[in-house]
């Protein structure tokens, strides 16, 4: 297949970006990974390694199916390098004249597997399971989503890409796994670039909260348990001795809630301290729907004026909180976290994220992250590559479909021209077909 990877053709352009992600791998491994990724685009999805090999890869390559399984399960591959390469590509899109925060979202997702031979398959609690019980047998993965602000023809908005999945094996807590993912991204982000980390009520504890002490440019905005211990800011008494860290104890019922214009919630906020963040002053926000009693508590480690957030980058529904009251800006930013749920749904439904049949932990993690690379590059490529600029308004699935059609056109016409090359009397036809293949790949 290498002969069709010309710089002008669509395969050459895809190879350029996929090879950046796989730059730390050996050349044979890099080609196997790219061929598998190309089959996902060409077949408009992932069904299984055998299916994609039989219906796409085997038609164009001479290696065996076993070599693909070996690459995924046993070859020396570093998926951390894939994640960091995706982040670096995304960071290229940051506006140079606007210091808008980057948003990271962490969460976990579960994949139900019925076979009993998958490594680390276990019984898991899933509050969203629709199988008649709250338990399922399968795998749990911790994931990180990166939201990057972009300026495109005067339009301000965020684009969202998942950058990594890690399987939870009970040997390491999900908190430590999430903190490791965030830490790796923070280490390559500019120290002057503000980053907001959003998470639900399960993650604001332990290793995740310690990240605030490690990185001064990181703010955590989280949903917290409603029974979280809150305290007023202790006033100095002027007496000798160490001053109090915490003031009087608070509950969410101590927050004065008021109706906010254009919002369907009563909201109250105040600066507090909590055992979660020690002696750090944080903003606590309590919300309650107008037609219900379900209160929710949100915490933010930075005051709204420190976030320097431009609400024009968010859709109106999310920006409405910050527009109604500047102190509610953390709620607008937290609304971005929902895109990680969208990514879970799209990857499981359209990208075969739950259809893996590899049994080993390494093979499963590598395959899931390879599919994530495909999904994320389909989101980034229209902004990175001018040849794909017309696809900016398309979803990752639609971009995959359109590029898949162009891939089949180039491969078919190029292979047909190569077969005709062996017959001298068809030399003119061969040249014409090569020219057509080259033109189609450009129009793509």
Protein backbone atom coordinates (compact mmCIF):
# COMPACT_ATOMS: atom_id res chain seq x y z
CA UNK A 1 0.00 0.00 0.00
CA UNK A 2 2.97 2.35 0.41
CA UNK A 3 2.99 3.24 -3.30
CA UNK A 4 -0.33 5.11 -2.94
CA UNK A 5 0.79 7.18 0.06
CA UNK A 6 1.65 10.20 -2.08
CA UNK A 7 1.73 13.56 -0.33
CA UNK A 8 -1.02 14.88 -2.62
CA UNK A 9 -3.38 11.93 -2.18
CA UNK A 10 -5.84 11.46 0.64
CA UNK A 11 -3.97 8.41 1.95
CA UNK A 12 -0.77 10.42 2.08
CA UNK A 13 -2.45 13.16 4.08
CA UNK A 14 -3.95 10.66 6.51
CA UNK A 15 -0.62 8.88 6.83
CA UNK A 16 1.03 12.20 7.72
CA UNK A 17 -1.17 12.74 10.79
CA UNK A 18 -1.51 9.13 11.91
CA UNK A 19 2.27 8.71 11.71
CA UNK A 20 2.65 11.73 14.02
CA UNK A 21 0.52 9.94 16.61
CA UNK A 22 2.42 6.65 16.14
CA UNK A 23 5.83 8.30 15.81
CA UNK A 24 7.39 6.34 18.70
CA UNK A 25 6.50 2.95 17.23
CA UNK A 26 8.66 0.80 14.93
CA UNK A 27 7.93 1.03 11.21
CA UNK A 28 6.17 -2.39 10.95
CA UNK A 29 4.05 -1.60 14.01
CA UNK A 30 3.26 1.86 12.65
CA UNK A 31 2.09 0.37 9.33
CA UNK A 32 -0.09 -2.25 11.04
CA UNK A 33 -1.73 0.37 13.23
CA UNK A 34 -2.32 2.67 10.28
CA UNK A 35 -3.78 -0.11 8.14
CA UNK A 36 -6.17 -1.02 10.95
CA UNK A 37 -7.14 2.65 11.38
CA UNK A 38 -7.58 2.97 7.62
CA UNK A 39 -9.91 -0.04 7.62
CA UNK A 40 -12.07 1.68 10.25
CA UNK A 41 -12.43 4.65 7.91
CA UNK A 42 -12.84 2.58 4.76
CA UNK A 43 -15.45 0.24 6.23
CA UNK A 44 -17.20 3.10 8.04
CA UNK A 45 -16.69 1.53 11.45
CA UNK A 46 -15.05 -1.25 13.42
CA UNK A 47 -16.66 -4.68 13.62
CA UNK A 48 -13.80 -6.93 14.70
CA UNK A 49 -10.14 -7.27 13.79
CA UNK A 50 -10.88 -10.34 11.65
CA UNK A 51 -13.76 -8.65 9.85
CA UNK A 52 -11.77 -5.51 9.08
CA UNK A 53 -8.80 -7.63 7.99
CA UNK A 54 -10.82 -9.91 5.69
CA UNK A 55 -12.86 -7.13 4.07
CA UNK A 56 -10.22 -4.40 3.75
CA UNK A 57 -6.65 -5.01 4.89
CA UNK A 58 -6.17 -8.43 3.25
CA UNK A 59 -7.13 -6.97 -0.12
CA UNK A 60 -4.26 -4.48 0.00
CA UNK A 61 -1.53 -6.01 2.22
CA UNK A 62 0.46 -9.25 2.23
CA UNK A 63 0.90 -9.84 5.98
CA UNK A 64 -1.28 -12.25 7.99
CA UNK A 65 -4.11 -11.73 10.45
CA UNK A 66 -1.94 -13.11 13.27
CA UNK A 67 0.53 -10.25 12.84
CA UNK A 68 -2.26 -7.76 13.67
CA UNK A 69 -3.16 -9.64 16.84
CA UNK A 70 0.52 -9.81 17.76
CA UNK A 71 0.95 -6.07 17.21
CA UNK A 72 -1.94 -5.23 19.52
CA UNK A 73 -1.14 -7.70 22.29
CA UNK A 74 2.63 -8.17 22.37
CA UNK A 75 4.56 -5.52 20.45
CA UNK A 76 6.22 -2.61 22.26
CA UNK A 77 3.59 0.12 22.10
CA UNK A 78 3.27 3.18 24.34
CA UNK A 79 -0.31 4.47 24.34
CA UNK A 80 0.76 7.40 26.54
CA UNK A 81 2.67 8.71 23.52
CA UNK A 82 -0.51 8.46 21.43
CA UNK A 83 -2.39 10.55 23.99
CA UNK A 84 0.29 13.23 24.19
CA UNK A 85 0.57 13.40 20.38
CA UNK A 86 -3.19 14.01 20.13
CA UNK A 87 -2.94 16.73 22.77
CA UNK A 88 -0.06 18.44 20.94
CA UNK A 89 -2.04 18.40 17.68
CA UNK A 90 -5.03 19.93 19.48
CA UNK A 91 -2.88 22.59 21.16
CA UNK A 92 -1.86 23.85 17.71
CA UNK A 93 -5.43 25.13 17.32
CA UNK A 94 -5.29 27.41 20.38
CA UNK A 95 -5.85 31.08 19.45
CA UNK A 96 -2.59 33.00 19.82
CA UNK A 97 -4.16 36.32 20.80
CA UNK A 98 -6.76 35.04 23.30
CA UNK A 99 -5.95 33.37 26.64
CA UNK A 100 -9.07 31.24 26.89
CA UNK A 101 -8.92 28.29 29.35
CA UNK A 102 -8.58 24.68 28.22
CA UNK A 103 -11.17 22.33 29.74
CA UNK A 104 -10.41 18.75 30.81
CA UNK A 105 -13.16 16.30 31.77
CA UNK A 106 -12.64 12.97 33.51
CA UNK A 107 -15.14 10.15 33.93
CA UNK A 108 -15.39 6.38 33.74
CA UNK A 109 -17.47 4.18 31.46
CA UNK A 110 -18.32 0.49 31.45
CA UNK A 111 -18.42 -2.07 28.68
CA UNK A 112 -20.43 -5.24 29.21
CA UNK A 113 -18.75 -8.44 27.98
CA UNK A 114 -20.54 -11.79 28.01
CA UNK A 115 -17.53 -14.02 27.40
CA UNK A 116 -15.73 -15.24 30.50
CA UNK A 117 -12.22 -15.36 28.97
CA UNK A 118 -11.57 -11.61 28.83
CA UNK A 119 -8.76 -10.51 31.13
CA UNK A 120 -9.88 -8.62 34.25
CA UNK A 121 -13.57 -9.10 33.47
CA UNK A 122 -15.45 -8.55 36.73
CA UNK A 123 -18.84 -7.79 38.24
CA UNK A 124 -19.38 -4.02 38.25
CA UNK A 125 -22.00 -1.70 39.68
CA UNK A 126 -23.62 0.50 37.04
CA UNK A 127 -26.37 2.89 38.12
CA UNK A 128 -27.33 3.41 34.46
CA UNK A 129 -27.56 -0.25 33.49
CA UNK A 130 -30.73 -1.21 31.58
CA UNK A 131 -30.56 -4.95 32.12
CA UNK A 132 -33.00 -5.26 35.03
CA UNK A 133 -30.26 -4.94 37.65
CA UNK A 134 -27.61 -2.41 38.66
CA UNK A 135 -24.79 -4.84 37.97
CA UNK A 136 -23.04 -6.06 34.84
CA UNK A 137 -20.04 -8.21 33.94
CA UNK A 138 -17.39 -6.46 31.91
CA UNK A 139 -14.68 -3.81 32.04
CA UNK A 140 -14.47 -0.32 33.49
CA UNK A 141 -12.38 2.36 31.78
CA UNK A 142 -11.24 5.76 33.02
CA UNK A 143 -11.25 8.37 30.26
CA UNK A 144 -10.03 11.92 29.68
CA UNK A 145 -11.68 14.43 27.34
CA UNK A 146 -9.90 17.55 26.08
CA UNK A 147 -11.90 20.64 25.10
CA UNK A 148 -9.95 23.21 23.09
CA UNK A 149 -11.12 26.78 22.31
CA UNK A 150 -10.77 27.72 18.64
CA UNK A 151 -11.36 30.75 16.43
CA UNK A 152 -12.60 29.79 12.97
CA UNK A 153 -13.62 32.53 10.55
CA UNK A 154 -14.57 34.75 13.45
CA UNK A 155 -16.58 32.01 15.17
CA UNK A 156 -15.64 31.25 18.78
CA UNK A 157 -16.30 27.77 20.16
CA UNK A 158 -14.83 24.66 21.74
CA UNK A 159 -14.08 21.35 20.03
CA UNK A 160 -13.99 18.20 22.14
CA UNK A 161 -11.80 15.11 21.69
CA UNK A 162 -11.26 12.07 23.93
CA UNK A 163 -7.51 11.54 24.30
CA UNK A 164 -7.17 8.35 26.30
CA UNK A 165 -8.77 5.29 27.95
CA UNK A 166 -7.23 3.21 30.72
CA UNK A 167 -8.67 -0.08 31.99
CA UNK A 168 -9.38 -0.31 35.71
CA UNK A 169 -7.96 -3.60 37.03
CA UNK A 170 -8.42 -2.99 40.81
CA UNK A 171 -4.62 -2.93 41.15
CA UNK A 172 -4.76 0.87 41.08
CA UNK A 173 -7.61 3.14 42.12
CA UNK A 174 -9.59 5.04 39.52
CA UNK A 175 -8.63 8.26 41.30
CA UNK A 176 -4.93 7.56 40.77
CA UNK A 177 -5.56 6.57 37.14
CA UNK A 178 -7.51 9.78 36.46
CA UNK A 179 -4.83 11.88 38.18
CA UNK A 180 -2.11 10.23 36.06
CA UNK A 181 -3.98 11.06 32.84
CA UNK A 182 -4.48 14.69 33.86
CA UNK A 183 -0.89 15.01 35.07
CA UNK A 184 0.55 13.83 31.75
CA UNK A 185 -1.48 16.47 29.88
CA UNK A 186 -0.64 19.24 32.35
CA UNK A 187 3.09 18.56 31.96
CA UNK A 188 3.01 19.51 28.26
CA UNK A 189 0.60 22.46 28.59
CA UNK A 190 2.17 25.90 28.88
CA UNK A 191 2.49 27.00 32.51
CA UNK A 192 0.70 30.25 31.70
CA UNK A 193 -2.27 28.44 30.13
CA UNK A 194 -5.23 28.14 32.50
CA UNK A 195 -6.82 24.69 32.61
CA UNK A 196 -10.20 23.83 34.15
CA UNK A 197 -10.74 20.24 35.26
CA UNK A 198 -14.39 19.15 35.44
CA UNK A 199 -15.59 15.98 37.15
CA UNK A 200 -18.69 14.52 38.76
CA UNK A 201 -19.21 13.84 42.47
CA UNK A 202 -17.19 10.59 42.49
CA UNK A 203 -13.81 12.13 41.59
CA UNK A 204 -13.27 15.18 43.85
CA UNK A 205 -11.13 13.39 46.43
CA UNK A 206 -7.65 12.03 47.02
CA UNK A 207 -5.18 12.07 44.13
CA UNK A 208 -7.40 14.19 41.87
CA UNK A 209 -7.68 17.03 44.39
CA UNK A 210 -3.93 16.93 45.01
CA UNK A 211 -3.43 18.11 41.43
CA UNK A 212 -4.41 21.62 42.52
CA UNK A 213 -1.31 21.76 44.70
CA UNK A 214 0.91 20.40 41.90
CA UNK A 215 -0.22 22.83 39.17
CA UNK A 216 -0.93 26.48 39.93
CA UNK A 217 -2.64 26.92 36.55
CA UNK A 218 -5.23 24.20 37.24
CA UNK A 219 -8.73 24.91 38.58
CA UNK A 220 -11.11 22.13 39.59
CA UNK A 221 -14.85 22.56 39.05
CA UNK A 222 -16.81 19.63 40.37
CA UNK A 223 -20.18 18.39 41.45
CA UNK A 224 -19.86 17.30 45.10
CA UNK A 225 -21.90 15.22 47.51
CA UNK A 226 -24.60 17.26 49.18
CA UNK A 227 -23.42 16.06 52.61
CA UNK A 228 -19.91 17.46 52.06
CA UNK A 229 -18.76 19.27 55.22
CA UNK A 230 -18.63 23.02 54.54
CA UNK A 231 -17.39 25.79 56.82
CA UNK A 232 -17.42 29.56 56.87
CA UNK A 233 -14.15 31.48 56.57
CA UNK A 234 -12.78 31.84 60.12
CA UNK A 235 -12.26 35.41 61.22
CA UNK A 236 -9.04 36.41 62.94
CA UNK A 237 -9.58 37.17 66.62
CA UNK A 238 -6.30 38.98 67.27
CA UNK A 239 -5.50 36.56 70.06
CA UNK A 240 -2.22 34.69 70.36
CA UNK A 241 -1.87 31.23 68.86
CA UNK A 242 -2.58 29.61 65.53
CA UNK A 243 -5.75 30.97 63.88
CA UNK A 244 -8.62 28.64 63.11
CA UNK A 245 -8.62 27.02 59.68
CA UNK A 246 -12.37 26.47 59.59
CA UNK A 247 -15.21 28.64 60.81
CA UNK A 248 -18.74 27.61 61.65
CA UNK A 249 -20.11 24.48 60.01
CA UNK A 250 -22.55 24.90 57.13
CA UNK A 251 -25.03 22.70 55.30
CA UNK A 252 -26.61 23.29 51.91
CA UNK A 253 -29.75 24.45 53.73
CA UNK A 254 -27.77 27.45 54.99
CA UNK A 255 -27.44 28.79 51.45
CA UNK A 256 -29.96 31.50 50.58
CA UNK A 257 -31.40 30.45 47.21
CA UNK A 258 -32.95 32.96 44.85
CA UNK A 259 -34.54 32.77 41.41
CA UNK A 260 -32.16 33.78 38.63
CA UNK A 261 -33.64 35.45 35.56
CA UNK A 262 -33.93 33.22 32.47
CA UNK A 263 -32.91 30.12 34.45
CA UNK A 264 -35.09 27.28 35.72
CA UNK A 265 -33.21 27.10 39.02
CA UNK A 266 -33.00 28.78 42.37
CA UNK A 267 -29.31 29.27 43.09
CA UNK A 268 -27.21 30.39 46.03
CA UNK A 269 -23.43 30.73 46.47
CA UNK A 270 -20.82 31.74 49.00
CA UNK A 271 -17.09 31.41 49.69
CA UNK A 272 -16.38 28.51 52.03
CA UNK A 273 -13.73 26.09 53.21
CA UNK A 274 -13.94 22.32 53.22
CA UNK A 275 -11.81 19.39 54.35
CA UNK A 276 -11.44 18.41 50.69
CA UNK A 277 -9.21 21.44 49.97
CA UNK A 278 -7.82 22.23 53.42
CA UNK A 279 -7.26 25.92 54.11
CA UNK A 280 -8.02 27.00 50.54
CA UNK A 281 -10.95 29.36 49.99
CA UNK A 282 -13.34 27.93 47.40
CA UNK A 283 -16.62 28.93 45.83
CA UNK A 284 -19.62 26.74 46.69
CA UNK A 285 -22.79 26.91 44.57
CA UNK A 286 -26.09 25.23 45.47
CA UNK A 287 -28.81 24.74 42.84
CA UNK A 288 -32.41 23.63 43.14
CA UNK A 289 -34.89 23.28 40.24
CA UNK A 290 -37.98 25.45 40.44
CA UNK A 291 -40.24 22.41 40.25
CA UNK A 292 -38.35 20.07 42.57
CA UNK A 293 -36.46 19.62 45.81
CA UNK A 294 -33.34 17.95 44.42
CA UNK A 295 -30.45 20.18 45.50
CA UNK A 296 -26.97 19.88 44.03
CA UNK A 297 -23.65 21.23 45.29
CA UNK A 298 -20.84 22.49 43.04
CA UNK A 299 -17.34 23.52 44.12
CA UNK A 300 -14.78 25.64 42.27
CA UNK A 301 -11.18 26.14 43.46
CA UNK A 302 -10.83 29.54 41.77
CA UNK A 303 -12.99 32.61 42.02
CA UNK A 304 -14.82 33.53 38.77
CA UNK A 305 -12.69 36.66 38.21
CA UNK A 306 -9.56 34.46 38.18
CA UNK A 307 -10.90 32.22 35.40
CA UNK A 308 -10.81 34.91 32.66
CA UNK A 309 -13.44 32.99 30.71
CA UNK A 310 -15.12 34.39 27.59
CA UNK A 311 -18.68 33.08 27.46
CA UNK A 312 -18.89 33.66 23.69
CA UNK A 313 -17.07 30.33 23.27
CA UNK A 314 -20.03 28.43 24.76
CA UNK A 315 -23.53 27.77 23.37
CA UNK A 316 -26.28 29.95 24.79
CA UNK A 317 -27.69 27.23 27.05
CA UNK A 318 -24.37 26.81 28.87
CA UNK A 319 -23.42 30.50 28.81
CA UNK A 320 -26.76 31.56 30.35
CA UNK A 321 -25.52 30.89 33.91
CA UNK A 322 -22.50 33.16 33.63
CA UNK A 323 -24.48 35.82 31.79
CA UNK A 324 -27.12 35.87 34.52
CA UNK A 325 -24.53 36.28 37.28
CA UNK A 326 -20.75 36.35 37.00
CA UNK A 327 -20.46 34.22 40.16
CA UNK A 328 -22.22 31.39 38.33
CA UNK A 329 -19.49 31.17 35.68
CA UNK A 330 -18.27 27.80 37.07
CA UNK A 331 -21.68 26.29 36.19
CA UNK A 332 -21.26 27.42 32.57
CA UNK A 333 -17.83 25.80 32.40
CA UNK A 334 -19.05 22.63 34.12
CA UNK A 335 -21.71 22.22 31.41
CA UNK A 336 -18.89 21.36 28.98
CA UNK A 337 -18.29 18.14 30.95
CA UNK A 338 -21.38 16.62 29.33
CA UNK A 339 -19.44 16.21 26.08
CA UNK A 340 -17.54 13.28 27.58
CA UNK A 341 -20.88 11.45 27.84
CA UNK A 342 -21.56 12.32 24.19
CA UNK A 343 -18.15 10.91 23.24
CA UNK A 344 -18.89 7.68 25.15
CA UNK A 345 -22.21 7.30 23.32
CA UNK A 346 -20.84 8.03 19.85
CA UNK A 347 -17.79 5.79 20.24
CA UNK A 348 -19.82 2.87 21.57
CA UNK A 349 -22.61 3.25 19.01
CA UNK A 350 -20.73 4.21 15.82
CA UNK A 351 -17.06 3.30 16.39
CA UNK A 352 -17.25 -0.22 17.85
CA UNK A 353 -15.76 0.75 21.22
CA UNK A 354 -17.70 -2.07 22.93
CA UNK A 355 -17.25 -4.63 20.12
CA UNK A 356 -13.67 -5.66 20.89
CA UNK A 357 -12.95 -9.39 20.97
CA UNK A 358 -9.31 -9.20 22.02
CA UNK A 359 -8.84 -10.91 25.38
CA UNK A 360 -5.63 -9.51 26.89
CA UNK A 361 -5.56 -6.25 28.84
CA UNK A 362 -2.86 -4.78 26.58
CA UNK A 363 -4.73 -5.71 23.43
CA UNK A 364 -8.03 -4.26 24.69
CA UNK A 365 -6.46 -0.97 25.85
CA UNK A 366 -4.50 -0.52 22.64
CA UNK A 367 -7.48 -1.26 20.41
CA UNK A 368 -9.73 1.13 22.34
CA UNK A 369 -7.13 3.88 22.18
CA UNK A 370 -6.57 3.23 18.47
CA UNK A 371 -10.30 3.73 17.85
CA UNK A 372 -10.08 6.87 20.01
CA UNK A 373 -7.23 8.17 17.83
CA UNK A 374 -9.41 7.63 14.74
CA UNK A 375 -12.38 9.40 16.35
CA UNK A 376 -10.31 12.34 17.59
CA UNK A 377 -8.41 12.83 14.33
CA UNK A 378 -11.68 12.91 12.42
CA UNK A 379 -12.62 15.85 14.67
CA UNK A 380 -9.24 17.62 14.40
CA UNK A 381 -8.31 17.06 10.74
CA UNK A 382 -10.76 19.60 9.23
CA UNK A 383 -9.01 22.28 11.32
CA UNK A 384 -5.44 21.01 10.87
CA UNK A 385 -5.50 20.13 7.17
CA UNK A 386 -6.69 22.74 4.64
CA UNK A 387 -7.69 19.98 2.19
CA UNK A 388 -10.39 18.85 4.66
CA UNK A 389 -11.59 22.32 5.66
CA UNK A 390 -15.00 21.76 4.05
CA UNK A 391 -15.75 19.12 6.72
CA UNK A 392 -15.55 21.48 9.71
CA UNK A 393 -19.28 21.47 10.35
CA UNK A 394 -19.55 17.67 10.07
CA UNK A 395 -19.58 15.18 12.94
CA UNK A 396 -16.71 12.72 13.37
CA UNK A 397 -18.97 10.00 11.95
CA UNK A 398 -19.82 11.99 8.82
CA UNK A 399 -16.16 12.93 8.29
CA UNK A 400 -15.24 9.25 8.57
CA UNK A 401 -17.89 8.31 5.99
CA UNK A 402 -16.79 10.93 3.46
CA UNK A 403 -13.10 10.16 3.85
CA UNK A 404 -13.86 6.43 3.64
CA UNK A 405 -15.52 6.92 0.25
CA UNK A 406 -12.50 8.86 -1.00
CA UNK A 407 -10.15 6.15 0.32
CA UNK A 408 -11.97 3.44 -1.63
CA UNK A 409 -11.89 5.54 -4.80
CA UNK A 410 -8.15 6.07 -4.60
CA UNK A 411 -7.34 2.46 -3.70
CA UNK A 412 -9.58 1.02 -6.43
CA UNK A 413 -8.38 3.22 -9.25
CA UNK A 414 -4.73 2.97 -8.24
CA UNK A 415 -4.83 -0.83 -7.98
CA UNK A 416 -6.62 -1.05 -11.32
CA UNK A 417 -3.99 1.11 -12.97
CA UNK A 418 -1.20 -1.02 -11.46
CA UNK A 419 -2.71 -4.20 -12.96
CA UNK A 420 -2.91 -2.61 -16.40
CA UNK A 421 0.74 -1.54 -16.23
CA UNK A 422 1.88 -5.06 -17.07
CA UNK A 423 0.35 -4.84 -20.55
CA UNK A 424 2.09 -2.46 -22.93
CA UNK A 425 -0.93 -1.90 -25.14
CA UNK A 426 -2.81 -0.53 -22.14
CA UNK A 427 -0.10 1.97 -21.26
CA UNK A 428 -2.20 4.96 -22.33
CA UNK A 429 -5.22 3.69 -20.35
CA UNK A 430 -2.99 3.15 -17.33
CA UNK A 431 -1.76 6.74 -17.44
CA UNK A 432 -5.31 8.04 -17.72
CA UNK A 433 -6.51 5.97 -14.76
CA UNK A 434 -3.59 7.13 -12.62
CA UNK A 435 -4.44 10.72 -13.47
CA UNK A 436 -8.10 10.13 -12.52
CA UNK A 437 -7.08 8.48 -9.24
CA UNK A 438 -4.84 11.42 -8.41
CA UNK A 439 -7.61 13.93 -9.24
CA UNK A 440 -10.25 12.12 -7.19
CA UNK A 441 -7.92 11.94 -4.19
CA UNK A 442 -7.50 15.71 -4.32
CA UNK A 443 -11.21 16.42 -4.66
CA UNK A 444 -11.86 13.69 -2.08
